[in-house]
C-alpha atoms as a PDB file:
ATOM      1  CA  MET A   1       2.235   6.173 -22.636  1.00  0.00           C
ATOM      2  CA  GLY A   2       1.253   2.909 -21.032  1.00  0.00           C
ATOM      3  CA  GLY A   3      -0.461   2.192 -17.737  1.00  0.00           C
ATOM      4  CA  MET A   4      -0.038   4.185 -14.592  1.00  0.00           C
ATOM      5  CA  THR A   5       2.216   3.040 -11.779  1.00  0.00           C
ATOM      6  CA  GLU A   6       1.352   3.536  -8.134  1.00  0.00           C
ATOM      7  CA  ILE A   7       3.501   2.235  -5.272  1.00  0.00           C
ATOM      8  CA  SER A   8       2.378   2.849  -1.687  1.00  0.00           C
ATOM      9  CA  THR A   9       3.911   2.539   1.753  1.00  0.00           C
ATOM     10  CA  ALA A  10       2.353   3.537   5.056  1.00  0.00           C
ATOM     11  CA  ARG A  11       3.714   7.083   4.696  1.00  0.00           C
ATOM     12  CA  HIS A  12       4.213   7.786   0.980  1.00  0.00           C
ATOM     13  CA  VAL A  13       2.651   7.077  -2.395  1.00  0.00           C
ATOM     14  CA  PHE A  14       4.609   7.119  -5.662  1.00  0.00           C
ATOM     15  CA  SER A  15       2.463   7.753  -8.719  1.00  0.00           C
ATOM     16  CA  SER A  16       2.891   8.175 -12.456  1.00  0.00           C
ATOM     17  CA  ASP A  17      -0.651   9.526 -12.766  1.00  0.00           C
ATOM     18  CA  PRO A  18      -0.269  12.981 -14.376  1.00  0.00           C
ATOM     19  CA  SER A  19      -3.620  14.107 -12.964  1.00  0.00           C
ATOM     20  CA  ARG A  20      -2.147  13.937  -9.432  1.00  0.00           C
ATOM     21  CA  ILE A  21       0.627  16.432 -10.180  1.00  0.00           C
ATOM     22  CA  ASP A  22       0.238  19.733  -8.334  1.00  0.00           C
ATOM     23  CA  ALA A  23       1.732  21.886 -11.111  1.00  0.00           C
ATOM     24  CA  GLU A  24       1.656  25.076  -9.044  1.00  0.00           C
ATOM     25  CA  ARG A  25       3.507  23.438  -6.145  1.00  0.00           C
ATOM     26  CA  VAL A  26       6.021  21.763  -8.453  1.00  0.00           C
ATOM     27  CA  HIS A  27       6.733  25.051 -10.204  1.00  0.00           C
ATOM     28  CA  ALA A  28       7.222  26.785  -6.846  1.00  0.00           C
ATOM     29  CA  LEU A  29       9.644  24.072  -5.665  1.00  0.00           C
ATOM     30  CA  LEU A  30      11.682  24.109  -8.860  1.00  0.00           C
ATOM     31  CA  SER A  31      11.765  27.860  -9.428  1.00  0.00           C
ATOM     32  CA  THR A  32      12.815  28.635  -5.843  1.00  0.00           C
ATOM     33  CA  HIS A  33      14.844  25.569  -4.692  1.00  0.00           C
ATOM     34  CA  ALA A  34      16.411  23.924  -7.767  1.00  0.00           C
ATOM     35  CA  TYR A  35      19.731  25.429  -8.866  1.00  0.00           C
ATOM     36  CA  TRP A  36      19.020  24.415 -12.486  1.00  0.00           C
ATOM     37  CA  ALA A  37      15.539  25.958 -12.622  1.00  0.00           C
ATOM     38  CA  LEU A  38      15.725  29.081 -10.450  1.00  0.00           C
ATOM     39  CA  GLY A  39      13.337  31.658 -11.809  1.00  0.00           C
ATOM     40  CA  ARG A  40      11.907  29.344 -14.477  1.00  0.00           C
ATOM     41  CA  PRO A  41       8.693  30.935 -15.747  1.00  0.00           C
ATOM     42  CA  ARG A  42       5.500  29.014 -15.044  1.00  0.00           C
ATOM     43  CA  GLU A  43       4.576  28.780 -18.732  1.00  0.00           C
ATOM     44  CA  VAL A  44       7.973  27.230 -19.526  1.00  0.00           C
ATOM     45  CA  HIS A  45       7.503  24.662 -16.791  1.00  0.00           C
ATOM     46  CA  GLU A  46       3.988  23.815 -17.959  1.00  0.00           C
ATOM     47  CA  ALA A  47       5.255  23.323 -21.532  1.00  0.00           C
ATOM     48  CA  ALA A  48       8.022  21.065 -20.210  1.00  0.00           C
ATOM     49  CA  MET A  49       5.488  19.024 -18.242  1.00  0.00           C
ATOM     50  CA  ALA A  50       3.229  18.701 -21.279  1.00  0.00           C
ATOM     51  CA  GLY A  51       6.053  17.122 -23.277  1.00  0.00           C
ATOM     52  CA  SER A  52       7.175  14.744 -20.542  1.00  0.00           C
ATOM     53  CA  ARG A  53       6.211  11.789 -18.389  1.00  0.00           C
ATOM     54  CA  ASN A  54       5.536  13.239 -14.917  1.00  0.00           C
ATOM     55  CA  TYR A  55       5.938  11.564 -11.536  1.00  0.00           C
ATOM     56  CA  GLY A  56       5.263  12.407  -7.921  1.00  0.00           C
ATOM     57  CA  VAL A  57       5.589  11.160  -4.378  1.00  0.00           C
ATOM     58  CA  TYR A  58       2.753  12.153  -2.066  1.00  0.00           C
ATOM     59  CA  ASP A  59       2.061  12.067   1.644  1.00  0.00           C
ATOM     60  CA  ALA A  60      -0.192   9.007   2.064  1.00  0.00           C
ATOM     61  CA  GLU A  61      -2.310  10.736   4.713  1.00  0.00           C
ATOM     62  CA  THR A  62      -2.764  14.258   3.317  1.00  0.00           C
ATOM     63  CA  GLY A  63      -2.132  13.712  -0.400  1.00  0.00           C
ATOM     64  CA  ARG A  64       0.312  16.658  -0.421  1.00  0.00           C
ATOM     65  CA  GLN A  65       2.951  16.361  -3.135  1.00  0.00           C
ATOM     66  CA  LEU A  66       6.404  15.914  -1.596  1.00  0.00           C
ATOM     67  CA  ALA A  67       8.542  15.228  -4.652  1.00  0.00           C
ATOM     68  CA  TYR A  68       8.525  15.475  -8.432  1.00  0.00           C
ATOM     69  CA  ALA A  69      10.456  14.201 -11.442  1.00  0.00           C
ATOM     70  CA  ARG A  70       9.890  14.206 -15.154  1.00  0.00           C
ATOM     71  CA  VAL A  71      11.275  12.150 -17.996  1.00  0.00           C
ATOM     72  CA  VAL A  72      11.679  13.208 -21.607  1.00  0.00           C
ATOM     73  CA  THR A  73      11.679  10.094 -23.796  1.00  0.00           C
ATOM     74  CA  ASP A  74      10.937   8.681 -27.206  1.00  0.00           C
ATOM     75  CA  GLY A  75       9.521   5.654 -25.385  1.00  0.00           C
ATOM     76  CA  ALA A  76      11.709   3.251 -27.350  1.00  0.00           C
ATOM     77  CA  THR A  77      15.443   3.943 -27.059  1.00  0.00           C
ATOM     78  CA  PHE A  78      16.325   6.873 -24.787  1.00  0.00           C
ATOM     79  CA  ALA A  79      15.143   8.838 -21.759  1.00  0.00           C
ATOM     80  CA  TRP A  80      16.335  11.941 -19.952  1.00  0.00           C
ATOM     81  CA  LEU A  81      15.509  12.069 -16.226  1.00  0.00           C
ATOM     82  CA  CYS A  82      15.212  15.674 -15.111  1.00  0.00           C
ATOM     83  CA  ASP A  83      13.664  18.150 -12.682  1.00  0.00           C
ATOM     84  CA  VAL A  84      14.023  15.714  -9.777  1.00  0.00           C
ATOM     85  CA  ILE A  85      13.185  17.577  -6.580  1.00  0.00           C
ATOM     86  CA  VAL A  86      12.097  16.776  -3.038  1.00  0.00           C
ATOM     87  CA  ASP A  87      10.429  19.382  -0.856  1.00  0.00           C
ATOM     88  CA  PRO A  88      13.219  20.730   1.413  1.00  0.00           C
ATOM     89  CA  ASP A  89      11.030  20.053   4.474  1.00  0.00           C
ATOM     90  CA  ALA A  90      10.652  16.375   3.477  1.00  0.00           C
ATOM     91  CA  ARG A  91      14.289  15.566   2.703  1.00  0.00           C
ATOM     92  CA  GLY A  92      16.129  12.839   4.582  1.00  0.00           C
ATOM     93  CA  ALA A  93      13.178  10.413   4.671  1.00  0.00           C
ATOM     94  CA  GLY A  94      14.114   8.369   1.581  1.00  0.00           C
ATOM     95  CA  ILE A  95      11.597  10.135  -0.648  1.00  0.00           C
ATOM     96  CA  GLY A  96      14.153  10.871  -3.367  1.00  0.00           C
ATOM     97  CA  VAL A  97      15.153   7.207  -3.474  1.00  0.00           C
ATOM     98  CA  ARG A  98      11.484   6.156  -3.664  1.00  0.00           C
ATOM     99  CA  LEU A  99      10.884   8.667  -6.458  1.00  0.00           C
ATOM    100  CA  VAL A 100      13.801   7.487  -8.593  1.00  0.00           C
ATOM    101  CA  GLN A 101      12.993   3.806  -7.979  1.00  0.00           C
ATOM    102  CA  GLY A 102       9.396   4.417  -9.018  1.00  0.00           C
ATOM    103  CA  VAL A 103      10.414   6.276 -12.175  1.00  0.00           C
ATOM    104  CA  LEU A 104      12.786   3.475 -13.171  1.00  0.00           C
ATOM    105  CA  ALA A 105      10.136   0.821 -12.471  1.00  0.00           C
ATOM    106  CA  ASP A 106       7.682   2.716 -14.665  1.00  0.00           C
ATOM    107  CA  LEU A 107      10.240   2.964 -17.504  1.00  0.00           C
ATOM    108  CA  GLU A 108      11.459  -0.642 -17.240  1.00  0.00           C
ATOM    109  CA  PRO A 109       8.829  -2.148 -19.584  1.00  0.00           C
ATOM    110  CA  LEU A 110      10.070   0.200 -22.336  1.00  0.00           C
ATOM    111  CA  ARG A 111      13.456  -1.593 -22.360  1.00  0.00           C
ATOM    112  CA  LEU A 112      15.278   1.661 -23.106  1.00  0.00           C
ATOM    113  CA  LYS A 113      18.903   1.466 -24.213  1.00  0.00           C
ATOM    114  CA  ARG A 114      19.915   4.462 -22.096  1.00  0.00           C
ATOM    115  CA  ILE A 115      18.534   6.696 -19.364  1.00  0.00           C
ATOM    116  CA  ALA A 116      20.598   9.839 -18.831  1.00  0.00           C
ATOM    117  CA  LEU A 117      20.621  12.652 -16.313  1.00  0.00           C
ATOM    118  CA  VAL A 118      22.757  15.546 -15.166  1.00  0.00           C
ATOM    119  CA  THR A 119      23.423  16.279 -11.516  1.00  0.00           C
ATOM    120  CA  GLU A 120      25.687  18.629  -9.666  1.00  0.00           C
ATOM    121  CA  ASP A 121      25.271  17.208  -6.185  1.00  0.00           C
ATOM    122  CA  ALA A 122      23.231  13.973  -6.006  1.00  0.00           C
ATOM    123  CA  HIS A 123      25.630  11.382  -7.397  1.00  0.00           C
ATOM    124  CA  GLY A 124      25.133   9.116  -4.366  1.00  0.00           C
ATOM    125  CA  LEU A 125      21.358   8.964  -4.836  1.00  0.00           C
ATOM    126  CA  TYR A 126      21.670   8.060  -8.496  1.00  0.00           C
ATOM    127  CA  ARG A 127      24.465   5.518  -7.963  1.00  0.00           C
ATOM    128  CA  LYS A 128      22.086   3.629  -5.637  1.00  0.00           C
ATOM    129  CA  ALA A 129      19.718   3.382  -8.611  1.00  0.00           C
ATOM    130  CA  GLY A 130      22.388   2.039 -10.964  1.00  0.00           C
ATOM    131  CA  PHE A 131      23.504   5.225 -12.699  1.00  0.00           C
ATOM    132  CA  GLU A 132      27.201   5.561 -13.516  1.00  0.00           C
ATOM    133  CA  VAL A 133      29.491   8.432 -14.438  1.00  0.00           C
ATOM    134  CA  LEU A 134      30.191   8.415 -18.180  1.00  0.00           C
ATOM    135  CA  ASP A 135      33.280   6.452 -19.224  1.00  0.00           C
ATOM    136  CA  ASP A 136      33.653   8.691 -22.243  1.00  0.00           C
ATOM    137  CA  PRO A 137      32.126  12.095 -21.526  1.00  0.00           C
ATOM    138  CA  GLU A 138      34.084  13.610 -24.420  1.00  0.00           C
ATOM    139  CA  ARG A 139      31.663  11.831 -26.792  1.00  0.00           C
ATOM    140  CA  TRP A 140      28.687  13.774 -25.376  1.00  0.00           C
ATOM    141  CA  MET A 141      28.039  17.293 -26.550  1.00  0.00           C
ATOM    142  CA  VAL A 142      25.554  19.972 -25.638  1.00  0.00           C
ATOM    143  CA  ARG A 143      24.368  23.049 -27.468  1.00  0.00           C
ATOM    144  CA  PRO A 144      23.465  25.801 -25.006  1.00  0.00           C
ATOM    145  CA  GLY A 145      19.990  27.232 -25.454  1.00  0.00           C
ATOM    146  CA  VAL A 146      18.637  30.715 -25.176  1.00  0.00           C
ATOM    147  CA  LEU A 147      17.579  30.564 -21.520  1.00  0.00           C
END
């Protein structure tokens, strides 16, 4: 999976080190605050983490995890950015922007053809990072799962 990325400021630390992830905290944030993951069972989240690249932003002073994202990728052509969440008490401080910038910096050496995501309400955040609305969404298809 390559080397680990860590980017620090006086207040926050972005890290791609999976050992820093507070899985219990991340599950609590997603299962109670993320419209796409409400009620997600812990074992489902842990399986998703195990099959993904995991990222966090942490308070530089306390080490507390403030944000999380994961990426599902083949590491060569495509990536899916998902489960992006910032602790509701930490929103408005640019942490989401730092998180997405860090994820993209970590993926850059892979020279992926496409990084995709789905969002209901954060288009502005992702536009700042270079994401665009699909020109031809009718070409994309999805097969609903069992959850």
